[in-house]
Amino acid sequence: MSEACVTREERSRLGKLLGRSSVEFGVSAYNEGAGVVRTLESIRVAAHACGLPPAIRLSDSSDTPRTADAAIAWAAVRADVHFDLDYSDERRSLKAANNVLLDKATADIIVVSVGDAVVLPRSLFLLLSALTVEPRPVVAFGCSYPDPSARSLRFRASAWQIRVVQKLAASLPPDAPRADGVLWAAGRAFYADYRFPTGNGSLHDDEELKRYLVRKGLRIGNVAEAIAYKIPAGSFDDFARQTDRWFHVAEGTVRRDPRDLHAAATMALRDPLGAALYVFARVRLLVRRRRQPLAHSEQWDVTYTAKRDR
């Protein structure tokens, strides 16, 4: 997470593009515990690398104060950070947590992430640049990428899946209708009026946002190179719940695009073991689903191996 990932010239150019526009960061968290500190610190470093003062708001609805306490302790020794916490001991869905961030935001641009991601300096630079270059999108989406720290075999199937999604996103046009809830940014002209519908629509916040943007004919920024590190699913239960939720709840019946197959084939050549483990896990999931279908709701059943301090 080096500030050298953004050059002095790039930082100067971004400053000119932003002008007097203010930027703040919103993070949603649920039971990250001390792991949230890595996310907050990555945002602080990325903001400084882009020449921005780090103003961060945390929307935390953990069932214990561990996440909030860790964040407060981190902020207490970071004099350069303006930190605000909205804590509730009543569980929020990710849609509701994001609505808290949008309700309280006041900056010209809000950058939204989740409490177990790592935002890279260059990713922030690319994301903000996309929002400031004509024709301007109203929302720009980055992309998830497997955290390099998750190297063991148990993460391999999920990591391969995430890489395929990023590869596909990178093959799409810069205004392609896609979304990723791990890292995205929006201007105040949009976020001041938009709120995620809770209790209806897609169970996924990012899918719901994409559907709204497409329905309204609003411009989307596809910034696939703006990656944020995420810990992949590290057990079959984690993989099953995440994959089942997406393919059989969020998307429904999906028609495969040839670019999907090309991305999968490319990544299979690069990581044949990961591809094989992914296929094995999908077959296992199919058998499991026939025996006992999984239940899903807007309130994500948080998996422990996806949390950095577990």
C-alpha atoms as a PDB file:
ATOM      1  CA  MET A   1       0.000   0.000   0.000  1.00  0.00           C
ATOM      2  CA  SER A   2       2.713   2.447  -0.989  1.00  0.00           C
ATOM      3  CA  GLU A   3       1.968   6.056  -1.818  1.00  0.00           C
ATOM      4  CA  ALA A   4       4.410   5.617  -4.700  1.00  0.00           C
ATOM      5  CA  CYS A   5       1.587   3.855  -6.552  1.00  0.00           C
ATOM      6  CA  VAL A   6       0.381   7.344  -7.539  1.00  0.00           C
ATOM      7  CA  THR A   7       2.982   9.621  -9.107  1.00  0.00           C
ATOM      8  CA  ARG A   8       3.376  13.292  -8.262  1.00  0.00           C
ATOM      9  CA  GLU A   9       2.184  14.228 -11.760  1.00  0.00           C
ATOM     10  CA  GLU A  10      -0.897  12.031 -11.437  1.00  0.00           C
ATOM     11  CA  ARG A  11      -1.708  13.496  -8.033  1.00  0.00           C
ATOM     12  CA  SER A  12      -1.393  17.000  -9.461  1.00  0.00           C
ATOM     13  CA  ARG A  13      -3.605  16.115 -12.423  1.00  0.00           C
ATOM     14  CA  LEU A  14      -6.256  14.616 -10.158  1.00  0.00           C
ATOM     15  CA  GLY A  15      -6.188  17.727  -7.990  1.00  0.00           C
ATOM     16  CA  LYS A  16      -6.897  19.860 -11.043  1.00  0.00           C
ATOM     17  CA  LEU A  17      -9.731  17.575 -12.128  1.00  0.00           C
ATOM     18  CA  LEU A  18     -11.293  17.625  -8.676  1.00  0.00           C
ATOM     19  CA  GLY A  19     -10.837  21.355  -8.262  1.00  0.00           C
ATOM     20  CA  ARG A  20     -12.665  22.407  -5.124  1.00  0.00           C
ATOM     21  CA  SER A  21     -14.683  19.180  -4.953  1.00  0.00           C
ATOM     22  CA  SER A  22     -14.570  17.538  -1.527  1.00  0.00           C
ATOM     23  CA  VAL A  23     -14.267  13.780  -1.059  1.00  0.00           C
ATOM     24  CA  GLU A  24     -15.278  11.633   1.894  1.00  0.00           C
ATOM     25  CA  PHE A  25     -15.138   7.911   2.537  1.00  0.00           C
ATOM     26  CA  GLY A  26     -17.898   5.666   3.831  1.00  0.00           C
ATOM     27  CA  VAL A  27     -17.264   2.187   5.220  1.00  0.00           C
ATOM     28  CA  SER A  28     -19.926  -0.338   6.226  1.00  0.00           C
ATOM     29  CA  ALA A  29     -18.944  -2.918   8.841  1.00  0.00           C
ATOM     30  CA  TYR A  30     -20.409  -5.914  10.627  1.00  0.00           C
ATOM     31  CA  ASN A  31     -18.332  -7.893  13.132  1.00  0.00           C
ATOM     32  CA  GLU A  32     -14.976  -7.129  11.518  1.00  0.00           C
ATOM     33  CA  GLY A  33     -13.456  -6.583  14.937  1.00  0.00           C
ATOM     34  CA  ALA A  34      -9.829  -5.410  14.813  1.00  0.00           C
ATOM     35  CA  GLY A  35      -9.770  -6.340  11.134  1.00  0.00           C
ATOM     36  CA  VAL A  36     -11.507  -3.062  10.293  1.00  0.00           C
ATOM     37  CA  VAL A  37      -8.290  -1.200  11.138  1.00  0.00           C
ATOM     38  CA  ARG A  38      -6.566  -2.508   8.029  1.00  0.00           C
ATOM     39  CA  THR A  39      -9.408  -1.168   5.887  1.00  0.00           C
ATOM     40  CA  LEU A  40      -9.380   2.234   7.576  1.00  0.00           C
ATOM     41  CA  GLU A  41      -5.600   2.531   7.355  1.00  0.00           C
ATOM     42  CA  SER A  42      -5.634   1.586   3.664  1.00  0.00           C
ATOM     43  CA  ILE A  43      -8.121   4.382   2.991  1.00  0.00           C
ATOM     44  CA  ARG A  44      -6.015   6.870   4.971  1.00  0.00           C
ATOM     45  CA  VAL A  45      -2.906   5.956   2.964  1.00  0.00           C
ATOM     46  CA  ALA A  46      -4.786   6.001  -0.359  1.00  0.00           C
ATOM     47  CA  ALA A  47      -6.323   9.401   0.395  1.00  0.00           C
ATOM     48  CA  HIS A  48      -2.945  10.945   1.193  1.00  0.00           C
ATOM     49  CA  ALA A  49      -1.454   9.387  -1.938  1.00  0.00           C
ATOM     50  CA  CYS A  50      -4.134  11.174  -3.964  1.00  0.00           C
ATOM     51  CA  GLY A  51      -3.602  14.462  -2.148  1.00  0.00           C
ATOM     52  CA  LEU A  52      -6.860  14.266  -0.181  1.00  0.00           C
ATOM     53  CA  PRO A  53      -7.565  14.798   3.512  1.00  0.00           C
ATOM     54  CA  PRO A  54      -8.932  11.478   4.864  1.00  0.00           C
ATOM     55  CA  ALA A  55     -12.494  12.011   6.108  1.00  0.00           C
ATOM     56  CA  ILE A  56     -13.928   8.597   6.989  1.00  0.00           C
ATOM     57  CA  ARG A  57     -17.338   7.601   8.330  1.00  0.00           C
ATOM     58  CA  LEU A  58     -17.923   4.077   9.644  1.00  0.00           C
ATOM     59  CA  SER A  59     -21.426   2.594   9.626  1.00  0.00           C
ATOM     60  CA  ASP A  60     -21.106  -0.293  12.073  1.00  0.00           C
ATOM     61  CA  SER A  61     -23.908  -2.592  13.195  1.00  0.00           C
ATOM     62  CA  SER A  62     -21.929  -5.311  14.953  1.00  0.00           C
ATOM     63  CA  ASP A  63     -23.464  -7.304  17.796  1.00  0.00           C
ATOM     64  CA  THR A  64     -20.484  -6.403  20.018  1.00  0.00           C
ATOM     65  CA  PRO A  65     -18.543  -3.108  20.309  1.00  0.00           C
ATOM     66  CA  ARG A  66     -15.252  -4.738  19.227  1.00  0.00           C
ATOM     67  CA  THR A  67     -15.305  -3.241  15.719  1.00  0.00           C
ATOM     68  CA  ALA A  68     -16.282   0.229  16.940  1.00  0.00           C
ATOM     69  CA  ASP A  69     -13.696   0.130  19.749  1.00  0.00           C
ATOM     70  CA  ALA A  70     -10.934  -0.876  17.334  1.00  0.00           C
ATOM     71  CA  ALA A  71     -11.885   1.921  14.935  1.00  0.00           C
ATOM     72  CA  ILE A  72     -12.046   4.542  17.697  1.00  0.00           C
ATOM     73  CA  ALA A  73      -8.650   3.484  19.049  1.00  0.00           C
ATOM     74  CA  TRP A  74      -7.170   3.680  15.539  1.00  0.00           C
ATOM     75  CA  ALA A  75      -8.610   7.150  14.909  1.00  0.00           C
ATOM     76  CA  ALA A  76      -7.431   8.425  18.298  1.00  0.00           C
ATOM     77  CA  VAL A  77      -3.793   8.229  17.221  1.00  0.00           C
ATOM     78  CA  ARG A  78      -4.354   9.484  13.666  1.00  0.00           C
ATOM     79  CA  ALA A  79      -4.376  13.258  13.947  1.00  0.00           C
ATOM     80  CA  ASP A  80      -4.656  13.598  10.169  1.00  0.00           C
ATOM     81  CA  VAL A  81      -7.979  11.709   9.969  1.00  0.00           C
ATOM     82  CA  HIS A  82     -11.448  13.143  10.439  1.00  0.00           C
ATOM     83  CA  PHE A  83     -13.359  10.128  11.729  1.00  0.00           C
ATOM     84  CA  ASP A  84     -17.063   9.692  12.425  1.00  0.00           C
ATOM     85  CA  LEU A  85     -18.801   6.589  13.760  1.00  0.00           C
ATOM     86  CA  ASP A  86     -22.451   5.573  13.454  1.00  0.00           C
ATOM     87  CA  TYR A  87     -22.872   2.492  15.625  1.00  0.00           C
ATOM     88  CA  SER A  88     -25.950   0.358  16.173  1.00  0.00           C
ATOM     89  CA  ASP A  89     -26.182  -2.908  18.068  1.00  0.00           C
ATOM     90  CA  GLU A  90     -29.179  -3.787  15.907  1.00  0.00           C
ATOM     91  CA  ARG A  91     -28.120  -5.611  12.762  1.00  0.00           C
ATOM     92  CA  ARG A  92     -28.386  -3.619   9.539  1.00  0.00           C
ATOM     93  CA  SER A  93     -28.436  -5.111   6.090  1.00  0.00           C
ATOM     94  CA  LEU A  94     -25.717  -3.822   3.771  1.00  0.00           C
ATOM     95  CA  LYS A  95     -28.344  -1.754   1.979  1.00  0.00           C
ATOM     96  CA  ALA A  96     -29.373  -0.131   5.260  1.00  0.00           C
ATOM     97  CA  ALA A  97     -25.745   0.394   6.303  1.00  0.00           C
ATOM     98  CA  ASN A  98     -25.026   2.124   2.992  1.00  0.00           C
ATOM     99  CA  ASN A  99     -28.121   4.294   3.421  1.00  0.00           C
ATOM    100  CA  VAL A 100     -26.669   5.552   6.712  1.00  0.00           C
ATOM    101  CA  LEU A 101     -23.513   6.568   4.849  1.00  0.00           C
ATOM    102  CA  LEU A 102     -25.498   8.331   2.123  1.00  0.00           C
ATOM    103  CA  ASP A 103     -27.775  10.045   4.647  1.00  0.00           C
ATOM    104  CA  LYS A 104     -24.851  11.575   6.536  1.00  0.00           C
ATOM    105  CA  ALA A 105     -22.543  12.359   3.622  1.00  0.00           C
ATOM    106  CA  THR A 106     -21.940  16.023   2.827  1.00  0.00           C
ATOM    107  CA  ALA A 107     -19.019  15.939   0.386  1.00  0.00           C
ATOM    108  CA  ASP A 108     -19.203  16.444  -3.357  1.00  0.00           C
ATOM    109  CA  ILE A 109     -18.039  12.850  -3.850  1.00  0.00           C
ATOM    110  CA  ILE A 110     -18.468   9.830  -1.592  1.00  0.00           C
ATOM    111  CA  VAL A 111     -16.280   6.746  -1.915  1.00  0.00           C
ATOM    112  CA  VAL A 112     -17.904   3.648  -0.419  1.00  0.00           C
ATOM    113  CA  SER A 113     -16.182   0.462   0.687  1.00  0.00           C
ATOM    114  CA  VAL A 114     -16.756  -2.419   3.103  1.00  0.00           C
ATOM    115  CA  GLY A 115     -15.076  -3.118   6.413  1.00  0.00           C
ATOM    116  CA  ASP A 116     -12.975  -6.084   5.335  1.00  0.00           C
ATOM    117  CA  ALA A 117     -11.531  -4.675   2.090  1.00  0.00           C
ATOM    118  CA  VAL A 118      -8.189  -3.005   1.381  1.00  0.00           C
ATOM    119  CA  VAL A 119      -8.313   0.061  -0.878  1.00  0.00           C
ATOM    120  CA  LEU A 120      -5.138   0.642  -2.877  1.00  0.00           C
ATOM    121  CA  PRO A 121      -3.844   4.155  -3.637  1.00  0.00           C
ATOM    122  CA  ARG A 122      -3.842   3.656  -7.387  1.00  0.00           C
ATOM    123  CA  SER A 123      -7.338   2.192  -7.267  1.00  0.00           C
ATOM    124  CA  LEU A 124      -8.628   5.319  -5.557  1.00  0.00           C
ATOM    125  CA  PHE A 125      -6.836   7.479  -8.123  1.00  0.00           C
ATOM    126  CA  LEU A 126      -8.418   5.569 -11.022  1.00  0.00           C
ATOM    127  CA  LEU A 127     -11.877   5.603  -9.446  1.00  0.00           C
ATOM    128  CA  LEU A 128     -11.874   9.357  -8.790  1.00  0.00           C
ATOM    129  CA  SER A 129     -10.364  10.086 -12.192  1.00  0.00           C
ATOM    130  CA  ALA A 130     -13.247   8.217 -13.846  1.00  0.00           C
ATOM    131  CA  LEU A 131     -15.748  10.414 -11.991  1.00  0.00           C
ATOM    132  CA  THR A 132     -14.095  13.629 -13.152  1.00  0.00           C
ATOM    133  CA  VAL A 133     -13.504  12.937 -16.847  1.00  0.00           C
ATOM    134  CA  GLU A 134     -16.173  13.701 -19.455  1.00  0.00           C
ATOM    135  CA  PRO A 135     -18.605  12.176 -20.134  1.00  0.00           C
ATOM    136  CA  ARG A 136     -18.928  11.820 -16.373  1.00  0.00           C
ATOM    137  CA  PRO A 137     -20.612   8.750 -14.888  1.00  0.00           C
ATOM    138  CA  VAL A 138     -22.928   9.321 -11.931  1.00  0.00           C
ATOM    139  CA  VAL A 139     -21.463   6.244 -10.215  1.00  0.00           C
ATOM    140  CA  ALA A 140     -18.084   4.573 -10.828  1.00  0.00           C
ATOM    141  CA  PHE A 141     -17.426   0.990  -9.735  1.00  0.00           C
ATOM    142  CA  GLY A 142     -14.115  -0.582  -8.875  1.00  0.00           C
ATOM    143  CA  CYS A 143     -13.606  -4.326  -8.628  1.00  0.00           C
ATOM    144  CA  SER A 144     -12.886  -6.975  -6.017  1.00  0.00           C
ATOM    145  CA  TYR A 145      -9.637  -8.910  -6.159  1.00  0.00           C
ATOM    146  CA  PRO A 146      -8.327 -11.742  -3.954  1.00  0.00           C
ATOM    147  CA  ASP A 147      -6.187 -10.480  -1.116  1.00  0.00           C
ATOM    148  CA  PRO A 148      -2.581 -11.661  -1.634  1.00  0.00           C
ATOM    149  CA  SER A 149      -2.429 -12.590   2.060  1.00  0.00           C
ATOM    150  CA  ALA A 150      -4.975 -15.392   1.482  1.00  0.00           C
ATOM    151  CA  ARG A 151      -2.563 -17.858  -0.056  1.00  0.00           C
ATOM    152  CA  SER A 152      -3.583 -21.222   1.374  1.00  0.00           C
ATOM    153  CA  LEU A 153      -5.344 -23.903  -0.666  1.00  0.00           C
ATOM    154  CA  ARG A 154      -8.671 -23.400   1.103  1.00  0.00           C
ATOM    155  CA  PHE A 155      -9.063 -19.972  -0.552  1.00  0.00           C
ATOM    156  CA  ARG A 156      -8.122 -21.161  -4.050  1.00  0.00           C
ATOM    157  CA  ALA A 157     -11.569 -21.888  -5.549  1.00  0.00           C
ATOM    158  CA  SER A 158     -13.091 -18.596  -4.414  1.00  0.00           C
ATOM    159  CA  ALA A 159      -9.970 -16.635  -5.386  1.00  0.00           C
ATOM    160  CA  TRP A 160     -10.149 -18.107  -8.888  1.00  0.00           C
ATOM    161  CA  GLN A 161     -13.807 -17.118  -9.145  1.00  0.00           C
ATOM    162  CA  ILE A 162     -13.049 -13.530  -8.083  1.00  0.00           C
ATOM    163  CA  ARG A 163     -10.227 -13.270 -10.623  1.00  0.00           C
ATOM    164  CA  VAL A 164     -12.561 -14.430 -13.402  1.00  0.00           C
ATOM    165  CA  VAL A 165     -15.067 -11.713 -12.504  1.00  0.00           C
ATOM    166  CA  GLN A 166     -12.333  -9.059 -12.532  1.00  0.00           C
ATOM    167  CA  LYS A 167     -10.988 -10.363 -15.841  1.00  0.00           C
ATOM    168  CA  LEU A 168     -14.457 -10.164 -17.359  1.00  0.00           C
ATOM    169  CA  ALA A 169     -14.980  -6.629 -16.019  1.00  0.00           C
ATOM    170  CA  ALA A 170     -11.667  -5.554 -17.550  1.00  0.00           C
ATOM    171  CA  SER A 171     -12.845  -6.789 -20.957  1.00  0.00           C
ATOM    172  CA  LEU A 172     -15.991  -4.644 -20.883  1.00  0.00           C
ATOM    173  CA  PRO A 173     -16.353  -1.031 -22.105  1.00  0.00           C
ATOM    174  CA  PRO A 174     -15.744   1.814 -19.607  1.00  0.00           C
ATOM    175  CA  ASP A 175     -19.497   2.474 -19.431  1.00  0.00           C
ATOM    176  CA  ALA A 176     -20.559  -1.184 -19.143  1.00  0.00           C
ATOM    177  CA  PRO A 177     -23.571  -1.820 -16.863  1.00  0.00           C
ATOM    178  CA  ARG A 178     -21.855  -3.599 -13.999  1.00  0.00           C
ATOM    179  CA  ALA A 179     -21.485  -3.046 -10.274  1.00  0.00           C
ATOM    180  CA  ASP A 180     -19.298  -4.093  -7.362  1.00  0.00           C
ATOM    181  CA  GLY A 181     -20.210  -3.263  -3.793  1.00  0.00           C
ATOM    182  CA  VAL A 182     -16.666  -3.569  -2.455  1.00  0.00           C
ATOM    183  CA  LEU A 183     -15.531  -0.230  -3.902  1.00  0.00           C
ATOM    184  CA  TRP A 184     -17.588   2.446  -5.647  1.00  0.00           C
ATOM    185  CA  ALA A 185     -17.954   6.216  -5.752  1.00  0.00           C
ATOM    186  CA  ALA A 186     -20.750   8.638  -6.546  1.00  0.00           C
ATOM    187  CA  GLY A 187     -21.237  12.377  -6.905  1.00  0.00           C
ATOM    188  CA  ARG A 188     -23.579  14.330  -4.648  1.00  0.00           C
ATOM    189  CA  ALA A 189     -25.981  15.060  -7.518  1.00  0.00           C
ATOM    190  CA  PHE A 190     -26.779  11.336  -7.477  1.00  0.00           C
ATOM    191  CA  TYR A 191     -26.302  10.143  -3.902  1.00  0.00           C
ATOM    192  CA  ALA A 192     -28.252  13.042  -2.372  1.00  0.00           C
ATOM    193  CA  ASP A 193     -31.478  11.565  -3.737  1.00  0.00           C
ATOM    194  CA  TYR A 194     -30.780   7.846  -4.089  1.00  0.00           C
ATOM    195  CA  ARG A 195     -31.386   5.355  -1.280  1.00  0.00           C
ATOM    196  CA  PHE A 196     -31.269   1.592  -1.410  1.00  0.00           C
ATOM    197  CA  PRO A 197     -34.731   0.028  -1.111  1.00  0.00           C
ATOM    198  CA  THR A 198     -34.822  -2.298   1.889  1.00  0.00           C
ATOM    199  CA  GLY A 199     -37.136  -5.260   2.045  1.00  0.00           C
ATOM    200  CA  ASN A 200     -37.615  -5.469  -1.713  1.00  0.00           C
ATOM    201  CA  GLY A 201     -35.652  -5.670  -4.944  1.00  0.00           C
ATOM    202  CA  SER A 202     -32.377  -7.554  -5.183  1.00  0.00           C
ATOM    203  CA  LEU A 203     -30.837  -8.923  -2.006  1.00  0.00           C
ATOM    204  CA  HIS A 204     -27.493  -7.522  -3.179  1.00  0.00           C
ATOM    205  CA  ASP A 205     -26.822  -3.819  -2.733  1.00  0.00           C
ATOM    206  CA  ASP A 206     -24.591  -3.572  -5.813  1.00  0.00           C
ATOM    207  CA  GLU A 207     -27.020  -5.460  -8.069  1.00  0.00           C
ATOM    208  CA  GLU A 208     -29.888  -3.255  -6.881  1.00  0.00           C
ATOM    209  CA  LEU A 209     -27.847  -0.116  -7.584  1.00  0.00           C
ATOM    210  CA  LYS A 210     -26.895  -1.350 -11.055  1.00  0.00           C
ATOM    211  CA  ARG A 211     -30.512  -2.145 -11.918  1.00  0.00           C
ATOM    212  CA  TYR A 212     -31.567   1.350 -10.854  1.00  0.00           C
ATOM    213  CA  LEU A 213     -28.856   3.028 -12.924  1.00  0.00           C
ATOM    214  CA  VAL A 214     -29.729   0.963 -16.002  1.00  0.00           C
ATOM    215  CA  ARG A 215     -33.463   1.545 -15.561  1.00  0.00           C
ATOM    216  CA  LYS A 216     -32.950   5.309 -15.340  1.00  0.00           C
ATOM    217  CA  GLY A 217     -30.502   5.364 -18.249  1.00  0.00           C
ATOM    218  CA  LEU A 218     -27.738   6.884 -16.092  1.00  0.00           C
ATOM    219  CA  ARG A 219     -24.085   6.578 -17.033  1.00  0.00           C
ATOM    220  CA  ILE A 220     -22.035   3.958 -15.197  1.00  0.00           C
ATOM    221  CA  GLY A 221     -18.261   3.996 -14.866  1.00  0.00           C
ATOM    222  CA  ASN A 222     -16.637   0.565 -15.143  1.00  0.00           C
ATOM    223  CA  VAL A 223     -13.193   0.933 -13.555  1.00  0.00           C
ATOM    224  CA  ALA A 224     -12.096  -2.698 -13.370  1.00  0.00           C
ATOM    225  CA  GLU A 225      -8.468  -1.741 -12.672  1.00  0.00           C
ATOM    226  CA  ALA A 226      -9.531   0.016  -9.452  1.00  0.00           C
ATOM    227  CA  ILE A 227      -9.240  -3.118  -7.350  1.00  0.00           C
ATOM    228  CA  ALA A 228      -9.880  -3.571  -3.652  1.00  0.00           C
ATOM    229  CA  TYR A 229      -8.475  -6.629  -1.919  1.00  0.00           C
ATOM    230  CA  LYS A 230     -10.990  -9.005  -0.350  1.00  0.00           C
ATOM    231  CA  ILE A 231     -10.457 -12.225   1.567  1.00  0.00           C
ATOM    232  CA  PRO A 232     -11.965 -15.038  -0.547  1.00  0.00           C
ATOM    233  CA  ALA A 233     -14.279 -17.642   0.935  1.00  0.00           C
ATOM    234  CA  GLY A 234     -12.102 -20.028   2.913  1.00  0.00           C
ATOM    235  CA  SER A 235     -14.409 -22.983   3.440  1.00  0.00           C
ATOM    236  CA  PHE A 236     -17.004 -24.855   1.420  1.00  0.00           C
ATOM    237  CA  ASP A 237     -19.806 -23.454   3.590  1.00  0.00           C
ATOM    238  CA  ASP A 238     -18.614 -19.917   2.859  1.00  0.00           C
ATOM    239  CA  PHE A 239     -18.250 -20.642  -0.845  1.00  0.00           C
ATOM    240  CA  ALA A 240     -21.646 -22.338  -1.030  1.00  0.00           C
ATOM    241  CA  ARG A 241     -23.532 -19.521   0.646  1.00  0.00           C
ATOM    242  CA  GLN A 242     -21.888 -16.763  -1.371  1.00  0.00           C
ATOM    243  CA  THR A 243     -22.165 -18.551  -4.710  1.00  0.00           C
ATOM    244  CA  ASP A 244     -25.715 -19.785  -4.154  1.00  0.00           C
ATOM    245  CA  ARG A 245     -26.823 -16.334  -3.076  1.00  0.00           C
ATOM    246  CA  TRP A 246     -25.447 -14.733  -6.214  1.00  0.00           C
ATOM    247  CA  PHE A 247     -26.261 -17.197  -8.977  1.00  0.00           C
ATOM    248  CA  HIS A 248     -29.616 -18.383  -7.693  1.00  0.00           C
ATOM    249  CA  VAL A 249     -30.989 -15.373  -5.837  1.00  0.00           C
ATOM    250  CA  ALA A 250     -29.368 -12.135  -6.944  1.00  0.00           C
ATOM    251  CA  GLU A 251     -29.088 -12.839 -10.646  1.00  0.00           C
ATOM    252  CA  GLY A 252     -31.671 -15.528 -11.209  1.00  0.00           C
ATOM    253  CA  THR A 253     -31.409 -17.268 -14.564  1.00  0.00           C
ATOM    254  CA  VAL A 254     -28.296 -15.995 -16.348  1.00  0.00           C
ATOM    255  CA  ARG A 255     -27.509 -16.199 -20.030  1.00  0.00           C
ATOM    256  CA  ARG A 256     -23.809 -16.683 -20.485  1.00  0.00           C
ATOM    257  CA  ASP A 257     -21.985 -14.124 -22.587  1.00  0.00           C
ATOM    258  CA  PRO A 258     -19.067 -15.420 -24.720  1.00  0.00           C
ATOM    259  CA  ARG A 259     -16.851 -13.010 -22.784  1.00  0.00           C
ATOM    260  CA  ASP A 260     -17.713 -14.922 -19.599  1.00  0.00           C
ATOM    261  CA  LEU A 261     -16.385 -18.118 -21.101  1.00  0.00           C
ATOM    262  CA  HIS A 262     -13.306 -16.378 -22.461  1.00  0.00           C
ATOM    263  CA  ALA A 263     -12.479 -14.915 -19.038  1.00  0.00           C
ATOM    264  CA  ALA A 264     -12.980 -18.307 -17.388  1.00  0.00           C
ATOM    265  CA  ALA A 265     -10.849 -20.076 -20.004  1.00  0.00           C
ATOM    266  CA  THR A 266      -8.054 -17.511 -19.658  1.00  0.00           C
ATOM    267  CA  MET A 267      -7.954 -17.829 -15.884  1.00  0.00           C
ATOM    268  CA  ALA A 268      -8.174 -21.634 -16.100  1.00  0.00           C
ATOM    269  CA  LEU A 269      -4.990 -21.634 -18.176  1.00  0.00           C
ATOM    270  CA  ARG A 270      -3.289 -19.382 -15.623  1.00  0.00           C
ATOM    271  CA  ASP A 271      -4.507 -21.327 -12.594  1.00  0.00           C
ATOM    272  CA  PRO A 272      -5.704 -24.817 -13.556  1.00  0.00           C
ATOM    273  CA  LEU A 273      -5.755 -25.982  -9.939  1.00  0.00           C
ATOM    274  CA  GLY A 274      -7.970 -23.079  -8.899  1.00  0.00           C
ATOM    275  CA  ALA A 275     -10.311 -23.793 -11.807  1.00  0.00           C
ATOM    276  CA  ALA A 276     -10.496 -27.491 -10.905  1.00  0.00           C
ATOM    277  CA  LEU A 277     -11.238 -26.706  -7.249  1.00  0.00           C
ATOM    278  CA  TYR A 278     -13.915 -24.241  -8.337  1.00  0.00           C
ATOM    279  CA  VAL A 279     -15.623 -26.833 -10.571  1.00  0.00           C
ATOM    280  CA  PHE A 280     -15.465 -29.391  -7.760  1.00  0.00           C
ATOM    281  CA  ALA A 281     -17.005 -26.901  -5.312  1.00  0.00           C
ATOM    282  CA  ARG A 282     -19.795 -26.036  -7.773  1.00  0.00           C
ATOM    283  CA  VAL A 283     -20.645 -29.730  -8.246  1.00  0.00           C
ATOM    284  CA  ARG A 284     -20.686 -30.147  -4.478  1.00  0.00           C
ATOM    285  CA  LEU A 285     -22.960 -27.149  -4.192  1.00  0.00           C
ATOM    286  CA  LEU A 286     -25.354 -28.577  -6.781  1.00  0.00           C
ATOM    287  CA  VAL A 287     -25.649 -31.816  -4.806  1.00  0.00           C
ATOM    288  CA  ARG A 288     -26.146 -29.910  -1.563  1.00  0.00           C
ATOM    289  CA  ARG A 289     -28.799 -27.646  -3.068  1.00  0.00           C
ATOM    290  CA  ARG A 290     -30.870 -30.617  -4.203  1.00  0.00           C
ATOM    291  CA  ARG A 291     -30.795 -32.064  -0.711  1.00  0.00           C
ATOM    292  CA  GLN A 292     -31.390 -28.854   1.239  1.00  0.00           C
ATOM    293  CA  PRO A 293     -31.832 -25.463  -0.456  1.00  0.00           C
ATOM    294  CA  LEU A 294     -30.144 -22.566   1.319  1.00  0.00           C
ATOM    295  CA  ALA A 295     -32.221 -19.684   2.693  1.00  0.00           C
ATOM    296  CA  HIS A 296     -31.146 -16.091   2.025  1.00  0.00           C
ATOM    297  CA  SER A 297     -32.184 -12.633   3.138  1.00  0.00           C
ATOM    298  CA  GLU A 298     -30.924  -9.045   2.833  1.00  0.00           C
ATOM    299  CA  GLN A 299     -29.092  -9.511   6.106  1.00  0.00           C
ATOM    300  CA  TRP A 300     -26.001 -11.309   4.883  1.00  0.00           C
ATOM    301  CA  ASP A 301     -25.108 -14.384   6.901  1.00  0.00           C
ATOM    302  CA  VAL A 302     -21.578 -13.247   7.629  1.00  0.00           C
ATOM    303  CA  THR A 303     -18.942 -15.901   7.104  1.00  0.00           C
ATOM    304  CA  TYR A 304     -16.113 -16.023   9.582  1.00  0.00           C
ATOM    305  CA  THR A 305     -13.291 -16.894   7.202  1.00  0.00           C
ATOM    306  CA  ALA A 306     -14.006 -13.728   5.200  1.00  0.00           C
ATOM    307  CA  LYS A 307     -13.047 -11.625   8.212  1.00  0.00           C
ATOM    308  CA  ARG A 308      -9.446 -10.549   8.612  1.00  0.00           C
ATOM    309  CA  ASP A 309      -9.118 -11.116  12.350  1.00  0.00           C
ATOM    310  CA  ARG A 310     -10.711 -14.552  12.482  1.00  0.00           C
END
